[in-house]
Amino acid sequence: EFAQEINMVLQLAAGTSENLPADEAPKD
């Protein structure tokens, strides 16, 4: 038996990866 708690975040930004928000790191 198992249980999973999953948080998934998908972000897109025009430009390069430096244009992604800095706060999109995984939780905890």
PDB file of all heavy atoms in Angstrom:
ATOM      1  N   GLU A   1       0.831  -1.191   0.000  1.00  0.00           N
ATOM      2  CA  GLU A   1       0.000   0.000   0.000  1.00  0.00           C
ATOM      3  C   GLU A   1       0.873   1.252   0.000  1.00  0.00           C
ATOM      4  O   GLU A   1       1.935   1.279   0.625  1.00  0.00           O
ATOM      5  CB  GLU A   1      -0.925   0.016   1.220  1.00  0.00           C
ATOM      6  CG  GLU A   1      -1.984  -1.070   1.184  1.00  0.00           C
ATOM      7  CD  GLU A   1      -2.953  -0.947   2.344  1.00  0.00           C
ATOM      8  OE1 GLU A   1      -2.724  -0.079   3.226  1.00  0.00           O
ATOM      9  OE2 GLU A   1      -3.937  -1.710   2.382  1.00  0.00           O
ATOM     10  N   PHE A   2       0.428   2.267  -0.697  1.00  0.00           N
ATOM     11  CA  PHE A   2       1.202   3.501  -0.730  1.00  0.00           C
ATOM     12  C   PHE A   2       0.256   4.698  -0.819  1.00  0.00           C
ATOM     13  O   PHE A   2      -0.909   4.585  -1.209  1.00  0.00           O
ATOM     14  CB  PHE A   2       2.171   3.525  -1.923  1.00  0.00           C
ATOM     15  CG  PHE A   2       1.492   3.677  -3.266  1.00  0.00           C
ATOM     16  CD1 PHE A   2       1.210   4.934  -3.789  1.00  0.00           C
ATOM     17  CD2 PHE A   2       1.115   2.557  -4.007  1.00  0.00           C
ATOM     18  CE1 PHE A   2       0.585   5.076  -5.012  1.00  0.00           C
ATOM     19  CE2 PHE A   2       0.489   2.700  -5.232  1.00  0.00           C
ATOM     20  CZ  PHE A   2       0.226   3.968  -5.738  1.00  0.00           C
ATOM     21  N   ALA A   3       0.798   5.852  -0.435  1.00  0.00           N
ATOM     22  CA  ALA A   3       0.109   7.129  -0.614  1.00  0.00           C
ATOM     23  C   ALA A   3       1.147   8.128  -1.091  1.00  0.00           C
ATOM     24  O   ALA A   3       2.294   8.099  -0.646  1.00  0.00           O
ATOM     25  CB  ALA A   3      -0.531   7.593   0.679  1.00  0.00           C
ATOM     26  N   GLN A   4       0.757   8.988  -2.004  1.00  0.00           N
ATOM     27  CA  GLN A   4       1.678   9.999  -2.535  1.00  0.00           C
ATOM     28  C   GLN A   4       1.042  11.383  -2.439  1.00  0.00           C
ATOM     29  O   GLN A   4      -0.117  11.557  -2.825  1.00  0.00           O
ATOM     30  CB  GLN A   4       1.993   9.750  -4.015  1.00  0.00           C
ATOM     31  CG  GLN A   4       2.845   8.531  -4.289  1.00  0.00           C
ATOM     32  CD  GLN A   4       3.317   8.518  -5.740  1.00  0.00           C
ATOM     33  OE1 GLN A   4       3.859   9.494  -6.247  1.00  0.00           O
ATOM     34  NE2 GLN A   4       3.123   7.408  -6.407  1.00  0.00           N
ATOM     35  N   GLU A   5       1.797  12.320  -1.933  1.00  0.00           N
ATOM     36  CA  GLU A   5       1.410  13.726  -1.998  1.00  0.00           C
ATOM     37  C   GLU A   5       2.315  14.376  -3.039  1.00  0.00           C
ATOM     38  O   GLU A   5       3.541  14.339  -2.907  1.00  0.00           O
ATOM     39  CB  GLU A   5       1.585  14.408  -0.642  1.00  0.00           C
ATOM     40  CG  GLU A   5       0.666  13.868   0.437  1.00  0.00           C
ATOM     41  CD  GLU A   5       0.876  14.562   1.769  1.00  0.00           C
ATOM     42  OE1 GLU A   5       1.570  15.611   1.798  1.00  0.00           O
ATOM     43  OE2 GLU A   5       0.368  14.061   2.787  1.00  0.00           O
ATOM     44  N   ILE A   6       1.721  14.942  -4.065  1.00  0.00           N
ATOM     45  CA  ILE A   6       2.485  15.444  -5.200  1.00  0.00           C
ATOM     46  C   ILE A   6       2.166  16.919  -5.441  1.00  0.00           C
ATOM     47  O   ILE A   6       1.005  17.312  -5.465  1.00  0.00           O
ATOM     48  CB  ILE A   6       2.163  14.648  -6.485  1.00  0.00           C
ATOM     49  CG1 ILE A   6       2.399  13.149  -6.252  1.00  0.00           C
ATOM     50  CG2 ILE A   6       3.006  15.149  -7.654  1.00  0.00           C
ATOM     51  CD1 ILE A   6       1.928  12.285  -7.417  1.00  0.00           C
ATOM     52  N   ASN A   7       3.211  17.709  -5.588  1.00  0.00           N
ATOM     53  CA  ASN A   7       3.059  19.095  -6.010  1.00  0.00           C
ATOM     54  C   ASN A   7       3.838  19.265  -7.302  1.00  0.00           C
ATOM     55  O   ASN A   7       5.037  18.986  -7.361  1.00  0.00           O
ATOM     56  CB  ASN A   7       3.582  20.068  -4.950  1.00  0.00           C
ATOM     57  CG  ASN A   7       3.628  21.509  -5.448  1.00  0.00           C
ATOM     58  OD1 ASN A   7       4.676  22.000  -5.848  1.00  0.00           O
ATOM     59  ND2 ASN A   7       2.496  22.184  -5.450  1.00  0.00           N
ATOM     60  N   MET A   8       3.154  19.704  -8.368  1.00  0.00           N
ATOM     61  CA  MET A   8       3.807  19.902  -9.659  1.00  0.00           C
ATOM     62  C   MET A   8       3.601  21.341 -10.107  1.00  0.00           C
ATOM     63  O   MET A   8       2.481  21.859 -10.051  1.00  0.00           O
ATOM     64  CB  MET A   8       3.233  18.946 -10.706  1.00  0.00           C
ATOM     65  CG  MET A   8       3.471  17.479 -10.401  1.00  0.00           C
ATOM     66  SD  MET A   8       2.760  16.372 -11.664  1.00  0.00           S
ATOM     67  CE  MET A   8       0.998  16.599 -11.349  1.00  0.00           C
ATOM     68  N   VAL A   9       4.674  21.960 -10.555  1.00  0.00           N
ATOM     69  CA  VAL A   9       4.606  23.343 -11.031  1.00  0.00           C
ATOM     70  C   VAL A   9       5.232  23.400 -12.420  1.00  0.00           C
ATOM     71  O   VAL A   9       6.358  22.948 -12.623  1.00  0.00           O
ATOM     72  CB  VAL A   9       5.345  24.317 -10.083  1.00  0.00           C
ATOM     73  CG1 VAL A   9       5.259  25.748 -10.631  1.00  0.00           C
ATOM     74  CG2 VAL A   9       4.769  24.252  -8.676  1.00  0.00           C
ATOM     75  N   LEU A  10       4.488  23.951 -13.363  1.00  0.00           N
ATOM     76  CA  LEU A  10       4.980  24.135 -14.725  1.00  0.00           C
ATOM     77  C   LEU A  10       4.978  25.624 -15.032  1.00  0.00           C
ATOM     78  O   LEU A  10       3.954  26.296 -14.868  1.00  0.00           O
ATOM     79  CB  LEU A  10       4.087  23.400 -15.718  1.00  0.00           C
ATOM     80  CG  LEU A  10       4.390  23.592 -17.211  1.00  0.00           C
ATOM     81  CD1 LEU A  10       5.739  22.998 -17.568  1.00  0.00           C
ATOM     82  CD2 LEU A  10       3.296  22.974 -18.069  1.00  0.00           C
ATOM     83  N   GLN A  11       6.132  26.152 -15.447  1.00  0.00           N
ATOM     84  CA  GLN A  11       6.224  27.573 -15.755  1.00  0.00           C
ATOM     85  C   GLN A  11       6.863  27.786 -17.120  1.00  0.00           C
ATOM     86  O   GLN A  11       7.770  27.049 -17.524  1.00  0.00           O
ATOM     87  CB  GLN A  11       7.033  28.304 -14.687  1.00  0.00           C
ATOM     88  CG  GLN A  11       6.338  28.337 -13.347  1.00  0.00           C
ATOM     89  CD  GLN A  11       6.745  29.537 -12.516  1.00  0.00           C
ATOM     90  OE1 GLN A  11       5.947  30.414 -12.231  1.00  0.00           O
ATOM     91  NE2 GLN A  11       7.990  29.572 -12.119  1.00  0.00           N
ATOM     92  N   LEU A  12       6.376  28.809 -17.809  1.00  0.00           N
ATOM     93  CA  LEU A  12       6.886  29.176 -19.123  1.00  0.00           C
ATOM     94  C   LEU A  12       7.140  30.668 -19.132  1.00  0.00           C
ATOM     95  O   LEU A  12       6.361  31.444 -18.581  1.00  0.00           O
ATOM     96  CB  LEU A  12       5.849  28.821 -20.201  1.00  0.00           C
ATOM     97  CG  LEU A  12       6.252  29.083 -21.656  1.00  0.00           C
ATOM     98  CD1 LEU A  12       7.172  27.984 -22.156  1.00  0.00           C
ATOM     99  CD2 LEU A  12       5.001  29.171 -22.536  1.00  0.00           C
ATOM    100  N   ALA A  13       8.252  31.082 -19.739  1.00  0.00           N
ATOM    101  CA  ALA A  13       8.559  32.507 -19.832  1.00  0.00           C
ATOM    102  C   ALA A  13       9.202  32.791 -21.172  1.00  0.00           C
ATOM    103  O   ALA A  13      10.067  32.033 -21.640  1.00  0.00           O
ATOM    104  CB  ALA A  13       9.494  32.940 -18.703  1.00  0.00           C
ATOM    105  N   ALA A  14       8.776  33.882 -21.818  1.00  0.00           N
ATOM    106  CA  ALA A  14       9.434  34.309 -23.043  1.00  0.00           C
ATOM    107  C   ALA A  14      10.852  34.740 -22.699  1.00  0.00           C
ATOM    108  O   ALA A  14      11.093  35.402 -21.695  1.00  0.00           O
ATOM    109  CB  ALA A  14       8.664  35.464 -23.678  1.00  0.00           C
ATOM    110  N   GLY A  15      11.813  34.332 -23.514  1.00  0.00           N
ATOM    111  CA  GLY A  15      13.214  34.640 -23.236  1.00  0.00           C
ATOM    112  C   GLY A  15      13.968  33.416 -22.768  1.00  0.00           C
ATOM    113  O   GLY A  15      13.587  32.279 -23.059  1.00  0.00           O
ATOM    114  N   THR A  16      15.035  33.620 -22.036  1.00  0.00           N
ATOM    115  CA  THR A  16      15.862  32.527 -21.545  1.00  0.00           C
ATOM    116  C   THR A  16      15.504  32.197 -20.099  1.00  0.00           C
ATOM    117  O   THR A  16      14.645  32.839 -19.499  1.00  0.00           O
ATOM    118  CB  THR A  16      17.358  32.884 -21.632  1.00  0.00           C
ATOM    119  OG1 THR A  16      17.601  34.026 -20.810  1.00  0.00           O
ATOM    120  CG2 THR A  16      17.753  33.207 -23.066  1.00  0.00           C
ATOM    121  N   SER A  17      16.185  31.199 -19.530  1.00  0.00           N
ATOM    122  CA  SER A  17      15.843  30.721 -18.190  1.00  0.00           C
ATOM    123  C   SER A  17      16.024  31.783 -17.118  1.00  0.00           C
ATOM    124  O   SER A  17      15.441  31.663 -16.033  1.00  0.00           O
ATOM    125  CB  SER A  17      16.678  29.477 -17.845  1.00  0.00           C
ATOM    126  OG  SER A  17      18.043  29.675 -18.093  1.00  0.00           O
ATOM    127  N   GLU A  18      16.794  32.820 -17.385  1.00  0.00           N
ATOM    128  CA  GLU A  18      16.925  33.878 -16.387  1.00  0.00           C
ATOM    129  C   GLU A  18      15.640  34.692 -16.263  1.00  0.00           C
ATOM    130  O   GLU A  18      15.454  35.436 -15.301  1.00  0.00           O
ATOM    131  CB  GLU A  18      18.092  34.800 -16.709  1.00  0.00           C
ATOM    132  CG  GLU A  18      17.880  35.684 -17.908  1.00  0.00           C
ATOM    133  CD  GLU A  18      19.014  36.691 -18.083  1.00  0.00           C
ATOM    134  OE1 GLU A  18      20.127  36.410 -17.623  1.00  0.00           O
ATOM    135  OE2 GLU A  18      18.760  37.747 -18.668  1.00  0.00           O
ATOM    136  N   ASN A  19      14.714  34.535 -17.222  1.00  0.00           N
ATOM    137  CA  ASN A  19      13.439  35.226 -17.160  1.00  0.00           C
ATOM    138  C   ASN A  19      12.397  34.484 -16.325  1.00  0.00           C
ATOM    139  O   ASN A  19      11.310  35.005 -16.091  1.00  0.00           O
ATOM    140  CB  ASN A  19      12.879  35.449 -18.567  1.00  0.00           C
ATOM    141  CG  ASN A  19      13.777  36.333 -19.413  1.00  0.00           C
ATOM    142  OD1 ASN A  19      14.483  35.854 -20.286  1.00  0.00           O
ATOM    143  ND2 ASN A  19      13.795  37.624 -19.135  1.00  0.00           N
ATOM    144  N   LEU A  20      12.735  33.268 -15.898  1.00  0.00           N
ATOM    145  CA  LEU A  20      11.826  32.523 -15.036  1.00  0.00           C
ATOM    146  C   LEU A  20      11.834  33.127 -13.639  1.00  0.00           C
ATOM    147  O   LEU A  20      12.881  33.569 -13.158  1.00  0.00           O
ATOM    148  CB  LEU A  20      12.242  31.047 -14.955  1.00  0.00           C
ATOM    149  CG  LEU A  20      12.024  30.220 -16.223  1.00  0.00           C
ATOM    150  CD1 LEU A  20      12.787  28.905 -16.117  1.00  0.00           C
ATOM    151  CD2 LEU A  20      10.536  29.949 -16.451  1.00  0.00           C
ATOM    152  N   PRO A  21      10.691  33.139 -12.947  1.00  0.00           N
ATOM    153  CA  PRO A  21      10.656  33.680 -11.586  1.00  0.00           C
ATOM    154  C   PRO A  21      11.587  32.903 -10.673  1.00  0.00           C
ATOM    155  O   PRO A  21      11.775  31.696 -10.816  1.00  0.00           O
ATOM    156  CB  PRO A  21       9.193  33.475 -11.167  1.00  0.00           C
ATOM    157  CG  PRO A  21       8.442  33.406 -12.448  1.00  0.00           C
ATOM    158  CD  PRO A  21       9.373  32.738 -13.430  1.00  0.00           C
ATOM    159  N   ALA A  22      12.178  33.606  -9.718  1.00  0.00           N
ATOM    160  CA  ALA A  22      13.139  32.971  -8.808  1.00  0.00           C
ATOM    161  C   ALA A  22      12.463  32.113  -7.756  1.00  0.00           C
ATOM    162  O   ALA A  22      13.111  31.317  -7.096  1.00  0.00           O
ATOM    163  CB  ALA A  22      13.982  34.043  -8.114  1.00  0.00           C
ATOM    164  N   ASP A  23      11.135  32.243  -7.607  1.00  0.00           N
ATOM    165  CA  ASP A  23      10.458  31.531  -6.526  1.00  0.00           C
ATOM    166  C   ASP A  23       9.826  30.226  -6.980  1.00  0.00           C
ATOM    167  O   ASP A  23       8.957  29.686  -6.318  1.00  0.00           O
ATOM    168  CB  ASP A  23       9.377  32.413  -5.896  1.00  0.00           C
ATOM    169  CG  ASP A  23       8.304  32.819  -6.881  1.00  0.00           C
ATOM    170  OD1 ASP A  23       8.469  32.534  -8.075  1.00  0.00           O
ATOM    171  OD2 ASP A  23       7.309  33.420  -6.450  1.00  0.00           O
ATOM    172  N   GLU A  24      10.247  29.679  -8.149  1.00  0.00           N
ATOM    173  CA  GLU A  24       9.601  28.468  -8.618  1.00  0.00           C
ATOM    174  C   GLU A  24      10.336  27.203  -8.197  1.00  0.00           C
ATOM    175  O   GLU A  24      10.161  26.151  -8.765  1.00  0.00           O
ATOM    176  CB  GLU A  24       9.416  28.488 -10.136  1.00  0.00           C
ATOM    177  CG  GLU A  24      10.594  28.953 -10.952  1.00  0.00           C
ATOM    178  CD  GLU A  24      11.729  27.959 -11.048  1.00  0.00           C
ATOM    179  OE1 GLU A  24      11.560  26.913 -11.638  1.00  0.00           O
ATOM    180  OE2 GLU A  24      12.779  28.241 -10.484  1.00  0.00           O
ATOM    181  N   ALA A  25      11.195  27.285  -7.166  1.00  0.00           N
ATOM    182  CA  ALA A  25      11.871  26.109  -6.648  1.00  0.00           C
ATOM    183  C   ALA A  25      10.858  25.185  -5.976  1.00  0.00           C
ATOM    184  O   ALA A  25       9.797  25.625  -5.552  1.00  0.00           O
ATOM    185  CB  ALA A  25      12.940  26.519  -5.635  1.00  0.00           C
ATOM    186  N   PRO A  26      11.159  23.868  -5.875  1.00  0.00           N
ATOM    187  CA  PRO A  26      10.232  22.957  -5.224  1.00  0.00           C
ATOM    188  C   PRO A  26       9.928  23.383  -3.790  1.00  0.00           C
ATOM    189  O   PRO A  26      10.723  24.036  -3.138  1.00  0.00           O
ATOM    190  CB  PRO A  26      10.996  21.617  -5.236  1.00  0.00           C
ATOM    191  CG  PRO A  26      11.955  21.749  -6.354  1.00  0.00           C
ATOM    192  CD  PRO A  26      12.343  23.197  -6.394  1.00  0.00           C
ATOM    193  N   LYS A  27       8.760  23.014  -3.319  1.00  0.00           N
ATOM    194  CA  LYS A  27       8.374  23.333  -1.951  1.00  0.00           C
ATOM    195  C   LYS A  27       9.255  22.598  -0.956  1.00  0.00           C
ATOM    196  O   LYS A  27       9.895  21.594  -1.267  1.00  0.00           O
ATOM    197  CB  LYS A  27       6.906  22.950  -1.712  1.00  0.00           C
ATOM    198  CG  LYS A  27       5.920  23.840  -2.457  1.00  0.00           C
ATOM    199  CD  LYS A  27       4.505  23.447  -2.101  1.00  0.00           C
ATOM    200  CE  LYS A  27       3.511  24.388  -2.771  1.00  0.00           C
ATOM    201  NZ  LYS A  27       2.113  24.033  -2.448  1.00  0.00           N
ATOM    202  N   ASP A  28       9.247  23.066   0.273  1.00  0.00           N
ATOM    203  CA  ASP A  28       9.987  22.450   1.380  1.00  0.00           C
ATOM    204  C   ASP A  28      11.482  22.410   1.115  1.00  0.00           C
ATOM    205  O   ASP A  28      12.169  21.461   1.524  1.00  0.00           O
ATOM    206  CB  ASP A  28       9.480  21.023   1.657  1.00  0.00           C
ATOM    207  CG  ASP A  28       8.007  21.029   2.006  1.00  0.00           C
ATOM    208  OD1 ASP A  28       7.572  21.971   2.713  1.00  0.00           O
ATOM    209  OD2 ASP A  28       7.298  20.119   1.586  1.00  0.00           O
TER     210      ASP A  28
END
